[in-house]
PDB file of all heavy atoms in Angstrom:
ATOM      1  N   PHE A   1      47.772 -14.112 -62.683  1.00  0.00           N
ATOM      2  CA  PHE A   1      48.911 -14.240 -63.600  1.00  0.00           C
ATOM      3  C   PHE A   1      48.695 -15.425 -64.547  1.00  0.00           C
ATOM      4  O   PHE A   1      48.953 -15.328 -65.755  1.00  0.00           O
ATOM      5  CB  PHE A   1      50.219 -14.435 -62.823  1.00  0.00           C
ATOM      6  CG  PHE A   1      50.610 -13.251 -61.995  1.00  0.00           C
ATOM      7  CD1 PHE A   1      50.977 -13.404 -60.671  1.00  0.00           C
ATOM      8  CD2 PHE A   1      50.614 -11.965 -62.527  1.00  0.00           C
ATOM      9  CE1 PHE A   1      51.346 -12.321 -59.900  1.00  0.00           C
ATOM     10  CE2 PHE A   1      50.977 -10.879 -61.768  1.00  0.00           C
ATOM     11  CZ  PHE A   1      51.348 -11.056 -60.443  1.00  0.00           C
ATOM     12  N   ALA A   2      48.217 -16.525 -63.980  1.00  0.00           N
ATOM     13  CA  ALA A   2      47.954 -17.714 -64.795  1.00  0.00           C
ATOM     14  C   ALA A   2      46.848 -17.434 -65.809  1.00  0.00           C
ATOM     15  O   ALA A   2      46.903 -17.901 -66.958  1.00  0.00           O
ATOM     16  CB  ALA A   2      47.569 -18.885 -63.899  1.00  0.00           C
ATOM     17  N   GLY A   3      45.847 -16.667 -65.410  1.00  0.00           N
ATOM     18  CA  GLY A   3      44.766 -16.316 -66.321  1.00  0.00           C
ATOM     19  C   GLY A   3      45.247 -15.467 -67.482  1.00  0.00           C
ATOM     20  O   GLY A   3      44.831 -15.665 -68.632  1.00  0.00           O
ATOM     21  N   CYS A   4      46.120 -14.510 -67.205  1.00  0.00           N
ATOM     22  CA  CYS A   4      46.699 -13.679 -68.273  1.00  0.00           C
ATOM     23  C   CYS A   4      47.451 -14.542 -69.279  1.00  0.00           C
ATOM     24  O   CYS A   4      47.316 -14.374 -70.498  1.00  0.00           O
ATOM     25  CB  CYS A   4      47.638 -12.631 -67.680  1.00  0.00           C
ATOM     26  SG  CYS A   4      46.821 -11.314 -66.757  1.00  0.00           S
ATOM     27  N   ALA A   5      48.253 -15.461 -68.762  1.00  0.00           N
ATOM     28  CA  ALA A   5      49.032 -16.339 -69.636  1.00  0.00           C
ATOM     29  C   ALA A   5      48.124 -17.250 -70.454  1.00  0.00           C
ATOM     30  O   ALA A   5      48.365 -17.485 -71.649  1.00  0.00           O
ATOM     31  CB  ALA A   5      50.004 -17.167 -68.800  1.00  0.00           C
ATOM     32  N   ALA A   6      47.066 -17.758 -69.834  1.00  0.00           N
ATOM     33  CA  ALA A   6      46.136 -18.647 -70.545  1.00  0.00           C
ATOM     34  C   ALA A   6      45.424 -17.912 -71.673  1.00  0.00           C
ATOM     35  O   ALA A   6      45.253 -18.449 -72.777  1.00  0.00           O
ATOM     36  CB  ALA A   6      45.118 -19.221 -69.561  1.00  0.00           C
ATOM     37  N   LEU A   7      45.009 -16.674 -71.435  1.00  0.00           N
ATOM     38  CA  LEU A   7      44.346 -15.884 -72.469  1.00  0.00           C
ATOM     39  C   LEU A   7      45.312 -15.553 -73.606  1.00  0.00           C
ATOM     40  O   LEU A   7      44.940 -15.592 -74.783  1.00  0.00           O
ATOM     41  CB  LEU A   7      43.769 -14.604 -71.865  1.00  0.00           C
ATOM     42  CG  LEU A   7      42.567 -14.777 -70.940  1.00  0.00           C
ATOM     43  CD1 LEU A   7      42.200 -13.455 -70.289  1.00  0.00           C
ATOM     44  CD2 LEU A   7      41.372 -15.336 -71.704  1.00  0.00           C
ATOM     45  N   ALA A   8      46.544 -15.222 -73.242  1.00  0.00           N
ATOM     46  CA  ALA A   8      47.543 -14.901 -74.264  1.00  0.00           C
ATOM     47  C   ALA A   8      47.816 -16.094 -75.172  1.00  0.00           C
ATOM     48  O   ALA A   8      47.902 -15.967 -76.397  1.00  0.00           O
ATOM     49  CB  ALA A   8      48.837 -14.427 -73.609  1.00  0.00           C
ATOM     50  N   GLU A   9      47.910 -17.275 -74.567  1.00  0.00           N
ATOM     51  CA  GLU A   9      48.150 -18.485 -75.364  1.00  0.00           C
ATOM     52  C   GLU A   9      46.923 -18.839 -76.194  1.00  0.00           C
ATOM     53  O   GLU A   9      47.017 -19.153 -77.388  1.00  0.00           O
ATOM     54  CB  GLU A   9      48.508 -19.646 -74.443  1.00  0.00           C
ATOM     55  CG  GLU A   9      48.770 -20.954 -75.197  1.00  0.00           C
ATOM     56  CD  GLU A   9      49.030 -22.114 -74.250  1.00  0.00           C
ATOM     57  OE1 GLU A   9      48.597 -22.060 -73.085  1.00  0.00           O
ATOM     58  OE2 GLU A   9      49.658 -23.100 -74.691  1.00  0.00           O
ATOM     59  N   GLY A  10      45.753 -18.771 -75.581  1.00  0.00           N
ATOM     60  CA  GLY A  10      44.539 -19.163 -76.268  1.00  0.00           C
ATOM     61  C   GLY A  10      44.199 -18.277 -77.456  1.00  0.00           C
ATOM     62  O   GLY A  10      43.686 -18.763 -78.473  1.00  0.00           O
ATOM     63  N   PHE A  11      44.492 -16.988 -77.345  1.00  0.00           N
ATOM     64  CA  PHE A  11      44.205 -16.060 -78.449  1.00  0.00           C
ATOM     65  C   PHE A  11      45.413 -15.839 -79.359  1.00  0.00           C
ATOM     66  O   PHE A  11      45.386 -14.966 -80.224  1.00  0.00           O
ATOM     67  CB  PHE A  11      43.721 -14.720 -77.891  1.00  0.00           C
ATOM     68  CG  PHE A  11      42.266 -14.737 -77.476  1.00  0.00           C
ATOM     69  CD1 PHE A  11      41.909 -15.110 -76.188  1.00  0.00           C
ATOM     70  CD2 PHE A  11      41.264 -14.417 -78.380  1.00  0.00           C
ATOM     71  CE1 PHE A  11      40.575 -15.140 -75.798  1.00  0.00           C
ATOM     72  CE2 PHE A  11      39.936 -14.440 -78.011  1.00  0.00           C
ATOM     73  CZ  PHE A  11      39.583 -14.808 -76.710  1.00  0.00           C
ATOM     74  N   GLN A  12      46.479 -16.604 -79.131  1.00  0.00           N
ATOM     75  CA  GLN A  12      47.658 -16.605 -80.000  1.00  0.00           C
ATOM     76  C   GLN A  12      48.249 -15.192 -80.152  1.00  0.00           C
ATOM     77  O   GLN A  12      48.478 -14.702 -81.261  1.00  0.00           O
ATOM     78  CB  GLN A  12      47.309 -17.169 -81.384  1.00  0.00           C
ATOM     79  CG  GLN A  12      46.744 -18.564 -81.347  1.00  0.00           C
ATOM     80  CD  GLN A  12      46.331 -19.071 -82.711  1.00  0.00           C
ATOM     81  OE1 GLN A  12      46.799 -18.587 -83.743  1.00  0.00           O
ATOM     82  NE2 GLN A  12      45.444 -20.063 -82.750  1.00  0.00           N
ATOM     83  N   LEU A  13      48.485 -14.555 -79.023  1.00  0.00           N
ATOM     84  CA  LEU A  13      49.036 -13.205 -79.062  1.00  0.00           C
ATOM     85  C   LEU A  13      50.499 -13.240 -79.469  1.00  0.00           C
ATOM     86  O   LEU A  13      51.260 -14.102 -79.037  1.00  0.00           O
ATOM     87  CB  LEU A  13      48.910 -12.535 -77.689  1.00  0.00           C
ATOM     88  CG  LEU A  13      47.517 -12.431 -77.075  1.00  0.00           C
ATOM     89  CD1 LEU A  13      47.560 -11.501 -75.867  1.00  0.00           C
ATOM     90  CD2 LEU A  13      46.493 -11.930 -78.093  1.00  0.00           C
ATOM     91  N   ALA A  14      50.877 -12.278 -80.301  1.00  0.00           N
ATOM     92  CA  ALA A  14      52.284 -12.125 -80.678  1.00  0.00           C
ATOM     93  C   ALA A  14      52.942 -11.201 -79.666  1.00  0.00           C
ATOM     94  O   ALA A  14      52.436 -10.122 -79.366  1.00  0.00           O
ATOM     95  CB  ALA A  14      52.391 -11.539 -82.088  1.00  0.00           C
ATOM     96  N   GLY A  15      54.094 -11.609 -79.127  1.00  0.00           N
ATOM     97  CA  GLY A  15      54.758 -10.787 -78.120  1.00  0.00           C
ATOM     98  C   GLY A  15      54.087 -10.927 -76.764  1.00  0.00           C
ATOM     99  O   GLY A  15      53.209 -11.769 -76.551  1.00  0.00           O
ATOM    100  N   HIS A  16      54.509 -10.068 -75.830  1.00  0.00           N
ATOM    101  CA  HIS A  16      54.024 -10.181 -74.455  1.00  0.00           C
ATOM    102  C   HIS A  16      53.327  -8.926 -73.958  1.00  0.00           C
ATOM    103  O   HIS A  16      52.955  -8.845 -72.788  1.00  0.00           O
ATOM    104  CB  HIS A  16      55.193 -10.515 -73.528  1.00  0.00           C
ATOM    105  CG  HIS A  16      55.900 -11.783 -73.898  1.00  0.00           C
ATOM    106  ND1 HIS A  16      55.363 -13.029 -73.643  1.00  0.00           N
ATOM    107  CD2 HIS A  16      57.073 -11.994 -74.541  1.00  0.00           C
ATOM    108  CE1 HIS A  16      56.194 -13.967 -74.103  1.00  0.00           C
ATOM    109  NE2 HIS A  16      57.234 -13.367 -74.655  1.00  0.00           N
ATOM    110  N   ARG A  17      53.140  -7.944 -74.853  1.00  0.00           N
ATOM    111  CA  ARG A  17      52.478  -6.714 -74.431  1.00  0.00           C
ATOM    112  C   ARG A  17      51.034  -6.994 -74.021  1.00  0.00           C
ATOM    113  O   ARG A  17      50.498  -6.374 -73.096  1.00  0.00           O
ATOM    114  CB  ARG A  17      52.529  -5.669 -75.547  1.00  0.00           C
ATOM    115  CG  ARG A  17      51.960  -4.317 -75.132  1.00  0.00           C
ATOM    116  CD  ARG A  17      52.071  -3.286 -76.243  1.00  0.00           C
ATOM    117  NE  ARG A  17      53.431  -2.789 -76.368  1.00  0.00           N
ATOM    118  CZ  ARG A  17      54.174  -2.931 -77.447  1.00  0.00           C
ATOM    119  NH1 ARG A  17      53.708  -3.584 -78.500  1.00  0.00           N
ATOM    120  NH2 ARG A  17      55.396  -2.444 -77.493  1.00  0.00           N
ATOM    121  N   GLY A  18      50.383  -7.930 -74.694  1.00  0.00           N
ATOM    122  CA  GLY A  18      48.981  -8.210 -74.447  1.00  0.00           C
ATOM    123  C   GLY A  18      48.691  -8.629 -73.017  1.00  0.00           C
ATOM    124  O   GLY A  18      47.779  -8.098 -72.377  1.00  0.00           O
ATOM    125  N   GLU A  19      49.446  -9.596 -72.492  1.00  0.00           N
ATOM    126  CA  GLU A  19      49.162 -10.058 -71.132  1.00  0.00           C
ATOM    127  C   GLU A  19      49.511  -9.016 -70.083  1.00  0.00           C
ATOM    128  O   GLU A  19      48.867  -8.933 -69.030  1.00  0.00           O
ATOM    129  CB  GLU A  19      49.872 -11.387 -70.821  1.00  0.00           C
ATOM    130  CG  GLU A  19      51.345 -11.438 -71.136  1.00  0.00           C
ATOM    131  CD  GLU A  19      51.621 -12.095 -72.482  1.00  0.00           C
ATOM    132  OE1 GLU A  19      51.036 -11.637 -73.492  1.00  0.00           O
ATOM    133  OE2 GLU A  19      52.413 -13.041 -72.529  1.00  0.00           O
ATOM    134  N   ILE A  20      50.511  -8.162 -70.384  1.00  0.00           N
ATOM    135  CA  ILE A  20      50.844  -7.084 -69.450  1.00  0.00           C
ATOM    136  C   ILE A  20      49.714  -6.064 -69.398  1.00  0.00           C
ATOM    137  O   ILE A  20      49.314  -5.599 -68.322  1.00  0.00           O
ATOM    138  CB  ILE A  20      52.171  -6.408 -69.861  1.00  0.00           C
ATOM    139  CG1 ILE A  20      53.333  -7.400 -69.682  1.00  0.00           C
ATOM    140  CG2 ILE A  20      52.422  -5.156 -69.030  1.00  0.00           C
ATOM    141  CD1 ILE A  20      54.662  -6.895 -70.185  1.00  0.00           C
ATOM    142  N   VAL A  21      49.175  -5.719 -70.577  1.00  0.00           N
ATOM    143  CA  VAL A  21      48.033  -4.798 -70.622  1.00  0.00           C
ATOM    144  C   VAL A  21      46.830  -5.413 -69.913  1.00  0.00           C
ATOM    145  O   VAL A  21      46.105  -4.725 -69.182  1.00  0.00           O
ATOM    146  CB  VAL A  21      47.682  -4.436 -72.079  1.00  0.00           C
ATOM    147  CG1 VAL A  21      46.352  -3.680 -72.139  1.00  0.00           C
ATOM    148  CG2 VAL A  21      48.788  -3.591 -72.693  1.00  0.00           C
ATOM    149  N   LEU A  22      46.597  -6.702 -70.130  1.00  0.00           N
ATOM    150  CA  LEU A  22      45.500  -7.399 -69.451  1.00  0.00           C
ATOM    151  C   LEU A  22      45.586  -7.211 -67.940  1.00  0.00           C
ATOM    152  O   LEU A  22      44.591  -6.866 -67.278  1.00  0.00           O
ATOM    153  CB  LEU A  22      45.545  -8.886 -69.780  1.00  0.00           C
ATOM    154  CG  LEU A  22      44.776  -9.395 -70.992  1.00  0.00           C
ATOM    155  CD1 LEU A  22      45.179 -10.834 -71.299  1.00  0.00           C
ATOM    156  CD2 LEU A  22      43.270  -9.319 -70.739  1.00  0.00           C
ATOM    157  N   LEU A  23      46.751  -7.456 -67.401  1.00  0.00           N
ATOM    158  CA  LEU A  23      46.927  -7.373 -65.955  1.00  0.00           C
ATOM    159  C   LEU A  23      46.734  -5.939 -65.460  1.00  0.00           C
ATOM    160  O   LEU A  23      46.041  -5.701 -64.460  1.00  0.00           O
ATOM    161  CB  LEU A  23      48.315  -7.882 -65.573  1.00  0.00           C
ATOM    162  CG  LEU A  23      48.637  -7.887 -64.078  1.00  0.00           C
ATOM    163  CD1 LEU A  23      47.662  -8.783 -63.328  1.00  0.00           C
ATOM    164  CD2 LEU A  23      50.072  -8.327 -63.833  1.00  0.00           C
ATOM    165  N   ARG A  24      47.337  -4.969 -66.150  1.00  0.00           N
ATOM    166  CA  ARG A  24      47.223  -3.574 -65.720  1.00  0.00           C
ATOM    167  C   ARG A  24      45.774  -3.092 -65.803  1.00  0.00           C
ATOM    168  O   ARG A  24      45.293  -2.383 -64.907  1.00  0.00           O
ATOM    169  CB  ARG A  24      48.126  -2.690 -66.576  1.00  0.00           C
ATOM    170  CG  ARG A  24      49.610  -2.862 -66.271  1.00  0.00           C
ATOM    171  CD  ARG A  24      50.470  -2.118 -67.279  1.00  0.00           C
ATOM    172  NE  ARG A  24      51.880  -2.141 -66.889  1.00  0.00           N
ATOM    173  CZ  ARG A  24      52.872  -1.773 -67.683  1.00  0.00           C
ATOM    174  NH1 ARG A  24      52.618  -1.358 -68.924  1.00  0.00           N
ATOM    175  NH2 ARG A  24      54.118  -1.815 -67.254  1.00  0.00           N
TER     176      ARG A  24
END
C-alpha cells in the first residue's frame, strides 16, 4: 500500500485511480 502511494506521489498522478490500478 505504501509503495502504491509513493509511486502515485512520485509520478504526480491526478486522482486516485492510478494507485488502485497499480494494486489490482
